[in-house]
Every structure is written in C-alpha cells, then in structure tokens.
Amino acid sequence: MGKNLIELQKDFVNLRFGMFIHFNSATFQFRSNPDVVDWEFDHENQGVPRRFPFDPQSWNPVRLDCAQWAEAGKAAGVEFAALTAKHHEGFCLWPTKYTEHCVRNSPVKTDVVREYLEAFRVQGMKAGLYFSILDLTQGINRGGCSPENKEYIKGQVTELLTGYGEIPFLIVDGWQSPWGGPSYEDLSFEEFDGWVKGLQPECLVLNIGSLDGLRHSDIVFHECAAGQRFEGGFAGPGASCHVLTKSWFWRDGDGDKVLKPADWAIDWIKRSNSCNTSFIINGSPNTDGLLDDNMVERFRQIGEKYRKPAPLEEIPEGWAVR
C-alpha cells in the first residue's frame, strides 16, 4: 500500500533543499533582450501581439552536460531538483509526439528530460519536473482551455509520467496564476490531479500559481522571487524558491556577474526550513548547456556552509490540510 498525502508531504519537507533548473527557449530567446525577462509576459497579460515566436532551429546547446548540473547540486547539498521540461513559451525539452515544437526538430535533438533525470538520479537526488499549463505557442492561455487543449496537456503529462520512471513531483505553473494561464474553471485541479495520480499515485502536484493553500496544490508553493512570502507562523507543508541572479533564465553576462552570496542562500534555507518549507535555489545553464563557473563555485560555497536540520518526525500543529 502506498503512502498517503500527508506522508508524502512530510517526505518532501524533509528533503529541505533543492535545485530549480531553468533551461528552455528563453535561454536563447531573451539572453540579450533588454525588454523581455524570462518570457513574453505582456503578450499574455496585456493582450499585445506576440513578438517573439521561438524557432526550434535556435535550440543549440552544443556542450549540454546535465551531469555537470547534478554535480554542482550535489556539492551544494541539494537533495532534489526540478527541470523546466516545458515553460510558458511552449517549447518541449523531450521529443513529444503532440507537437513539432520540441527538441526533435532542433540541431541538438537530445532528450534533455531523460538526460537530466538520469544525471540527477545517479547522484542520489530526487528528480522531478516543471510543466507549464500556459503555452503561448499552443494557444493555451487566459482565453481558456478547450477540450482539445486538455487532450494536449493530458497527453504530454502522460508521456512524462510513463516514459521516464518515477517522478516524485510535478511543479505546475501558468494556471490561474497572477502571471497568466487558464483558470481552474477551464481545467480543474481535481481533473489535472486525477490524471497525475492515475499514472503515478505518489507524484505530488506543486502548483506555483495557487494562492489558496492546499486547495489546488499538494504543497503550498511560494515563488519568493515574484514577491510571494510565507509568514512566520506558517507550519507547512511548503516549498519556496529564489534566484542567485536577476532572472530565472540565463542572460548574457551572467557568468561575469557577482551572484548573491552563499550566506544569503543559507539564510533563505534556514528561514524556509523553520517553517517546514523546502527551499529551491535556481540554477540557469547557459546557451552551451552548462552552468557558468561562478554559479558552480557559488553552489560549492553554499555546500560548505549548509547543514541539514534534523528531520520532521511529527506533523506540527497548524500543518495545512486540504
């Protein structure tokens, strides 16, 4: 018999520290664009015409090395990771059969999802995935989520949860979010969660856009870099995330910048853990497919200072329930 939700939540909280790998079309699209950071927010949220469609031929990480990412994470002390398998733009880092907008049609056809999962599993880390419901290329947006859209989303989630072994969690974004995507009325949490749990019953759904506790998520998620904060009285189960640079995806010059210090990261980890929240630090590979030396070094420095707290044994008073 499998674990119940509370046991799975406790296991996630006890991981304590993770790595969020933002690597997708935006790495190439907006690396030097002063007007756009990470994705076309204005197109979705201000209704302006789309200006930056992504050509899969531009996907060309010629030195892609997921093992390097995993080694950096291991040095930092992280115990889990997530990769942006599909971000808001819609480009897929695996050769999905549901769209041509994927690595299959790129100069570097590597299934990045598979390479990432294998690399992090070798290092003994829990390897999960990030998946955006909002999809600018597919037209899944504030305008709704049609039955055809649902079949597209369900089909891709099925590929990810049946073709790659155990996926302990799926971070979902762009869904009833302040930053866009369809509403829960268009695609309910219960329906989406049913797809996930029907394929992998112990796969947690972490909904970044959910601002209503556990009503639409298995873990209460706080995107701290977007201004979301967990209060001091929060008792878990939570996830929080932040960036060492100024953006989630790599930008020209990041390799020469002074990153946020290791002590800053340690403080975030401690504050998060004290509220039964696992902290996730961002890693942003460059257009070659590698973490810059300064980021690798910062991860190493974090690892020198990080000390994992004792595990949570009993569910505390105030623990959020659905």
Foldseek 3Di string as FASTA:
>chain_A
DDDDLVVLLLVVLQLLAAEEEEDDQCLQQVQPPPPDFPDDLCCFPVVDDDDTQGDQQSQPLQQADLLQVLVLLVLLPGQEYEYAQADQQGEGLAPAPLDPRYLCPYPRNDSVLQNNVVSNVVVNHQYAYEYELRHVVVPFKCVAQDPVSVVSVLRVLLCVLPVHPDHQEYEYEQELAPRIGYYCVRPNLVNVVCSNCVRPVRYFYHYQRDPPQPPRGSWDEAAVLVPGDDDQPQQTDHEYEDEQDNGQEHHPPPLVDQTDALVVVQVVSVSQSSNSYRYYYYFYAHSNNHGRPNSSVRSNVSSVVDDRDDRDDDRDPNYDDD
